[in-house]
Amino acid sequence: MHVGLSRHGAHAIRITRRHAGHYSCGVAKAVERDHHKPKSTLFVEEKLRRLARGATRQIVTRRGRGLNMWIGSGYPKSGTVWLCKLMGTALGLPVPLDFQMPIMMPSVIHAHWRYDERFGPAMYIRRDGRDVVVSMYFHWTRGLRMNRDPGYARRLAEIFDELYGPSFDPEDTRGNMPKFIEYQMTEAPSMHGITWQENVRDWWGRPRVGHVTYESLLSDPTESLFTGLAEASGEEPNREAVELAVQRHQFTVETGRTAGSENRGSFLRKGIAGDWQQHFTREAGEVFDAYAGADLVEFGYESDRDWFLALD
């Protein structure tokens, strides 16, 4: 049996195109609009988003299976939004990314959650933790300049001030990276104390979870997505829908830039694997290895613990 288009046929492609156009650009357009809103409005809207996300999580956990609510999950900055867009197009489902009311309908829900055995079908994306921490660094420094959530920007400024002092230079990525890595590996604020490697272990190998990696979605996206969807559902996806998803959500299509062409002001900054090598010094490598070197080897990103010796 097929999943995705097999249930809805060509109609699903039309639905997907309509939803994808609306939801894929939703966050970027919302951020652009938010620059012109008063802080009181931004505060209320962000509060509504948080309440809606919490309620949606309860709905997904308790009733998601019966409602055909899929989950696209991963550690923050692992490519989870990209995964959800791919899933939405392949399955013919909407992907709400910027909502202020709870979701309770067939959809793909973007999540950075711990695994729960009550979840329905889900996909989890893993990414090299070194690229994750570099992407997180740029995401946070970008957050300093965003007007959307002034409270969030203020908290980030306080963290950077605590780590680097008043002379903090966001552009000095190589100099800043060792302390930033240690902070992410000890405080892990993006997931309330759960580190990258802990989150990977929490999800990997679970039933009804399709597993993909950021790297495989770059190198062989169609087969990676096809296999992951089959693993999650126990059914064979529609290959035409999977191919459509891959074509639609390529980095070039989403951004108008070729992969590797950097825009530090964009949510989709660079779209490549291995960018950590441009931003890790020998010291940064030593810090990362001390906390997660064994995990890099176990997850297949390195063959041994000597990888950082070649760094400058």
Protein backbone atom coordinates (compact mmCIF):
# COMPACT_ATOMS: atom_id res chain seq x y z
CA MET A 1 0.00 0.00 0.00
CA HIS A 2 1.16 3.53 -0.75
CA VAL A 3 1.07 6.50 1.57
CA GLY A 4 0.71 10.09 0.45
CA LEU A 5 -0.69 10.31 -3.07
CA SER A 6 -2.11 6.79 -2.98
CA ARG A 7 -4.84 8.05 -0.67
CA HIS A 8 -5.58 11.36 -2.34
CA GLY A 9 -4.31 10.96 -5.90
CA ALA A 10 -3.66 14.03 -8.02
CA HIS A 11 -5.88 16.06 -5.71
CA ALA A 12 -3.23 15.70 -3.00
CA ILE A 13 -0.64 17.37 -5.23
CA ARG A 14 -2.95 20.35 -5.74
CA ILE A 15 -3.62 20.56 -1.99
CA THR A 16 0.08 20.25 -1.25
CA ARG A 17 0.99 23.02 -3.66
CA ARG A 18 -1.52 25.36 -2.09
CA HIS A 19 -0.44 24.56 1.47
CA ALA A 20 3.26 24.57 0.64
CA GLY A 21 3.05 28.03 -0.87
CA HIS A 22 1.27 29.30 2.22
CA TYR A 23 3.20 27.60 4.97
CA SER A 24 6.72 27.42 3.55
CA CYS A 25 7.02 31.17 3.35
CA GLY A 26 4.99 31.83 6.50
CA VAL A 27 7.82 32.32 8.96
CA ALA A 28 9.91 34.54 6.69
CA LYS A 29 6.94 36.75 5.82
CA ALA A 30 5.85 36.93 9.45
CA VAL A 31 9.32 38.04 10.54
CA GLU A 32 9.34 40.74 7.87
CA ARG A 33 5.93 42.03 9.03
CA ASP A 34 6.94 41.92 12.67
CA HIS A 35 9.60 44.60 12.25
CA HIS A 36 6.79 47.16 11.97
CA LYS A 37 4.72 46.05 14.99
CA PRO A 38 4.75 47.63 18.47
CA LYS A 39 6.45 45.61 21.19
CA SER A 40 3.18 45.07 23.05
CA THR A 41 1.68 43.35 20.01
CA LEU A 42 4.79 41.23 19.51
CA PHE A 43 4.66 40.14 23.17
CA VAL A 44 1.02 39.03 22.92
CA GLU A 45 1.57 37.20 19.62
CA GLU A 46 4.59 35.33 20.94
CA LYS A 47 2.63 34.37 24.05
CA LEU A 48 -0.14 33.00 21.81
CA ARG A 49 2.39 31.03 19.78
CA ARG A 50 3.80 29.39 22.90
CA LEU A 51 0.38 28.50 24.22
CA ALA A 52 -0.64 27.13 20.82
CA ARG A 53 2.52 25.01 20.59
CA GLY A 54 1.93 23.58 24.05
CA ALA A 55 -1.70 22.73 23.32
CA THR A 56 -0.79 21.26 19.94
CA ARG A 57 1.76 19.00 21.61
CA GLN A 58 -0.94 17.66 23.93
CA ILE A 59 -3.26 17.05 20.98
CA VAL A 60 -0.55 15.28 18.99
CA THR A 61 0.40 13.11 21.96
CA ARG A 62 -3.12 12.08 22.89
CA ARG A 63 -5.02 12.10 19.61
CA GLY A 64 -2.46 12.52 16.86
CA ARG A 65 -2.60 8.96 15.56
CA GLY A 66 -6.33 9.10 14.94
CA LEU A 67 -6.12 12.55 13.37
CA ASN A 68 -3.31 11.64 10.93
CA MET A 69 -0.97 14.15 12.55
CA TRP A 70 2.64 13.40 11.65
CA ILE A 71 5.65 14.71 13.56
CA GLY A 72 8.86 16.01 12.04
CA SER A 73 11.40 16.22 14.84
CA GLY A 74 15.09 16.81 15.38
CA TYR A 75 17.50 18.72 17.55
CA PRO A 76 17.30 22.48 16.90
CA LYS A 77 19.30 23.54 13.81
CA SER A 78 19.38 20.03 12.38
CA GLY A 79 17.20 20.80 9.34
CA THR A 80 13.84 20.05 10.96
CA VAL A 81 11.91 22.73 9.05
CA TRP A 82 13.30 21.35 5.78
CA LEU A 83 12.31 17.83 6.80
CA CYS A 84 8.77 18.92 7.64
CA LYS A 85 8.34 20.66 4.29
CA LEU A 86 9.53 17.56 2.50
CA MET A 87 7.13 15.42 4.51
CA GLY A 88 4.21 17.76 3.92
CA THR A 89 4.59 17.74 0.16
CA ALA A 90 5.23 13.99 0.00
CA LEU A 91 2.19 13.21 2.17
CA GLY A 92 -0.15 15.88 0.81
CA LEU A 93 -0.47 17.51 4.24
CA PRO A 94 -0.15 21.13 5.43
CA VAL A 95 2.86 22.15 7.52
CA PRO A 96 1.83 24.93 9.93
CA LEU A 97 5.00 26.71 11.04
CA ASP A 98 3.77 30.01 12.45
CA PHE A 99 0.47 29.53 14.27
CA GLN A 100 -1.24 31.22 17.20
CA MET A 101 -4.06 28.70 17.64
CA PRO A 102 -3.73 24.97 18.45
CA ILE A 103 -3.58 22.57 15.50
CA MET A 104 -6.03 19.66 15.45
CA MET A 105 -6.19 18.32 11.90
CA PRO A 106 -4.25 16.11 9.50
CA SER A 107 -0.87 17.84 9.21
CA VAL A 108 2.88 17.63 9.74
CA ILE A 109 3.88 19.21 13.04
CA HIS A 110 7.35 20.67 13.40
CA ALA A 111 8.84 19.70 16.76
CA HIS A 112 11.91 19.69 18.99
CA TRP A 113 10.46 17.26 21.51
CA ARG A 114 11.48 14.26 23.53
CA TYR A 115 10.19 10.97 22.19
CA ASP A 116 6.84 9.75 23.52
CA GLU A 117 5.55 6.26 22.77
CA ARG A 118 2.05 7.70 22.32
CA PHE A 119 3.13 9.63 19.22
CA GLY A 120 1.79 8.62 15.85
CA PRO A 121 4.02 8.34 12.78
CA ALA A 122 7.09 10.57 12.96
CA MET A 123 10.36 11.28 11.24
CA TYR A 124 13.54 12.30 13.00
CA ILE A 125 16.49 14.08 11.38
CA ARG A 126 20.02 13.78 12.69
CA ARG A 127 22.83 16.16 11.73
CA ASP A 128 26.52 16.27 12.56
CA GLY A 129 26.62 17.94 15.98
CA ARG A 130 29.48 20.18 14.92
CA ASP A 131 27.38 21.66 12.13
CA VAL A 132 24.47 21.92 14.58
CA VAL A 133 26.46 24.05 17.03
CA VAL A 134 27.80 26.30 14.26
CA SER A 135 24.31 26.77 12.84
CA MET A 136 23.04 27.48 16.36
CA TYR A 137 25.71 30.15 16.82
CA PHE A 138 24.64 31.99 13.67
CA HIS A 139 20.98 31.56 14.54
CA TRP A 140 21.56 33.15 17.95
CA THR A 141 23.64 36.05 16.63
CA ARG A 142 20.93 36.65 14.03
CA GLY A 143 18.39 36.58 16.86
CA LEU A 144 20.10 39.57 18.45
CA ARG A 145 18.94 41.68 15.52
CA MET A 146 15.38 40.34 15.26
CA ASN A 147 12.48 42.44 16.46
CA ARG A 148 9.98 39.59 16.49
CA ASP A 149 10.52 38.53 20.10
CA PRO A 150 12.27 41.29 22.07
CA GLY A 151 12.40 39.10 25.17
CA TYR A 152 14.23 36.38 23.27
CA ALA A 153 16.73 38.88 21.86
CA ARG A 154 17.32 40.28 25.34
CA ARG A 155 17.98 36.80 26.78
CA LEU A 156 20.45 36.06 24.00
CA ALA A 157 22.26 39.33 24.66
CA GLU A 158 22.53 38.41 28.34
CA ILE A 159 24.00 34.99 27.50
CA PHE A 160 26.57 36.44 25.11
CA ASP A 161 27.51 39.10 27.64
CA GLU A 162 27.98 36.40 30.29
CA LEU A 163 30.12 34.28 27.96
CA TYR A 164 32.25 36.97 26.30
CA GLY A 165 31.78 40.23 28.15
CA PRO A 166 30.95 43.67 26.71
CA SER A 167 33.58 43.37 23.96
CA PHE A 168 31.71 40.47 22.29
CA ASP A 169 32.22 40.46 18.51
CA PRO A 170 29.63 38.21 16.77
CA GLU A 171 31.81 38.05 13.65
CA ASP A 172 34.68 36.34 15.49
CA THR A 173 33.18 32.88 15.10
CA ARG A 174 36.45 30.97 15.47
CA GLY A 175 37.44 32.83 18.60
CA ASN A 176 33.98 32.51 20.15
CA MET A 177 33.29 28.89 19.26
CA PRO A 178 35.04 27.07 22.17
CA LYS A 179 32.99 28.81 24.86
CA PHE A 180 29.83 28.54 22.79
CA ILE A 181 30.30 24.78 22.38
CA GLU A 182 30.85 24.30 26.09
CA TYR A 183 27.74 26.31 26.87
CA GLN A 184 25.64 24.24 24.47
CA MET A 185 27.01 21.00 25.87
CA THR A 186 26.49 21.92 29.53
CA GLU A 187 23.45 24.23 29.62
CA ALA A 188 21.75 23.14 26.38
CA PRO A 189 19.07 25.84 26.72
CA SER A 190 17.46 25.17 23.34
CA MET A 191 16.00 21.91 24.67
CA HIS A 192 15.85 22.61 28.39
CA GLY A 193 19.09 20.87 29.26
CA ILE A 194 18.97 18.06 26.67
CA THR A 195 22.10 17.95 24.52
CA TRP A 196 22.39 17.08 20.85
CA GLN A 197 23.66 13.57 21.49
CA GLU A 198 21.04 12.87 24.15
CA ASN A 199 18.24 13.88 21.81
CA VAL A 200 19.60 11.70 19.01
CA ARG A 201 19.75 8.69 21.33
CA ASP A 202 16.25 9.40 22.61
CA TRP A 203 14.72 9.11 19.12
CA TRP A 204 17.00 6.73 17.23
CA GLY A 205 15.66 3.21 16.74
CA ARG A 206 12.15 3.96 18.01
CA PRO A 207 9.09 2.26 16.45
CA ARG A 208 7.01 4.26 13.94
CA VAL A 209 9.89 6.70 13.49
CA GLY A 210 11.55 7.20 10.13
CA HIS A 211 15.19 8.15 10.47
CA VAL A 212 17.06 10.43 8.07
CA THR A 213 20.21 12.48 8.30
CA TYR A 214 20.80 15.99 7.07
CA GLU A 215 23.74 14.68 5.10
CA SER A 216 21.72 11.96 3.35
CA LEU A 217 19.02 14.45 2.42
CA LEU A 218 21.74 16.44 0.66
CA SER A 219 23.46 13.53 -1.06
CA ASP A 220 20.48 11.28 -1.94
CA PRO A 221 17.30 13.10 -0.96
CA THR A 222 14.75 11.01 -2.84
CA GLU A 223 15.86 7.64 -1.49
CA SER A 224 16.45 9.03 2.00
CA LEU A 225 12.98 10.55 2.21
CA PHE A 226 11.32 7.52 0.58
CA THR A 227 12.95 5.11 3.03
CA GLY A 228 12.22 7.30 6.05
CA LEU A 229 8.53 7.64 5.21
CA ALA A 230 8.22 3.88 4.68
CA GLU A 231 9.93 3.24 8.00
CA ALA A 232 7.54 5.59 9.81
CA SER A 233 4.30 4.36 8.27
CA GLY A 234 5.00 0.74 7.41
CA GLU A 235 3.68 1.52 3.94
CA GLU A 236 5.36 2.35 0.66
CA PRO A 237 5.27 6.08 -0.16
CA ASN A 238 4.28 7.36 -3.55
CA ARG A 239 7.54 7.97 -5.37
CA GLU A 240 6.09 10.69 -7.57
CA ALA A 241 5.09 12.69 -4.50
CA VAL A 242 8.50 12.14 -2.90
CA GLU A 243 10.27 13.36 -6.04
CA LEU A 244 7.99 16.40 -6.16
CA ALA A 245 8.87 17.19 -2.54
CA VAL A 246 12.58 16.98 -3.22
CA GLN A 247 12.32 19.22 -6.28
CA ARG A 248 10.19 21.82 -4.55
CA HIS A 249 12.26 22.18 -1.40
CA GLN A 250 15.78 22.29 -2.78
CA PHE A 251 17.94 24.98 -1.19
CA THR A 252 18.16 26.81 -4.52
CA VAL A 253 14.38 26.88 -4.94
CA GLU A 254 13.76 27.99 -1.34
CA THR A 255 16.39 30.74 -1.27
CA GLY A 256 17.34 31.71 -4.82
CA ARG A 257 20.97 30.95 -3.87
CA THR A 258 23.17 27.98 -4.64
CA ALA A 259 24.02 25.72 -1.72
CA GLY A 260 27.13 27.07 -0.02
CA SER A 261 26.32 30.68 -0.87
CA GLU A 262 26.05 32.21 2.58
CA ASN A 263 23.53 34.75 3.83
CA ARG A 264 23.98 35.22 7.58
CA GLY A 265 20.77 37.23 7.79
CA SER A 266 18.66 34.34 6.49
CA PHE A 267 17.09 31.46 8.40
CA LEU A 268 18.45 29.28 5.58
CA ARG A 269 22.03 30.44 5.90
CA LYS A 270 24.16 28.11 3.78
CA GLY A 271 22.59 24.68 3.19
CA ILE A 272 25.68 22.46 3.21
CA ALA A 273 27.30 19.78 5.36
CA GLY A 274 30.75 20.20 6.91
CA ASP A 275 30.66 23.98 7.38
CA TRP A 276 31.98 23.45 10.92
CA GLN A 277 35.46 23.07 9.44
CA GLN A 278 35.44 26.78 8.59
CA HIS A 279 34.65 27.81 12.16
CA PHE A 280 36.35 25.26 14.45
CA THR A 281 39.81 25.92 15.82
CA ARG A 282 41.88 23.19 17.44
CA GLU A 283 40.58 24.38 20.82
CA ALA A 284 36.96 24.21 19.63
CA GLY A 285 37.54 20.69 18.38
CA GLU A 286 39.03 19.63 21.69
CA VAL A 287 36.05 21.02 23.59
CA PHE A 288 33.53 19.31 21.33
CA ASP A 289 35.41 16.03 21.47
CA ALA A 290 35.53 16.13 25.27
CA TYR A 291 31.74 16.19 25.41
CA ALA A 292 30.64 14.31 22.28
CA GLY A 293 33.66 12.79 20.56
CA ALA A 294 32.53 9.24 21.26
CA ASP A 295 29.10 10.09 19.85
CA LEU A 296 30.62 11.38 16.61
CA VAL A 297 32.30 8.02 16.16
CA GLU A 298 29.22 6.02 17.12
CA PHE A 299 26.96 8.03 14.80
CA GLY A 300 29.41 7.55 11.92
CA TYR A 301 30.69 11.11 11.53
CA GLU A 302 34.27 10.20 12.45
CA SER A 303 36.27 6.98 12.48
CA ASP A 304 38.26 7.81 15.63
CA ARG A 305 38.78 10.45 18.33
CA ASP A 306 41.77 12.10 16.60
CA TRP A 307 39.71 14.13 14.13
CA PHE A 308 40.43 17.49 15.78
CA LEU A 309 44.22 17.10 15.62
CA ALA A 310 44.24 18.36 12.04
CA LEU A 311 42.55 21.65 12.96
CA ASP A 312 44.53 24.89 13.21
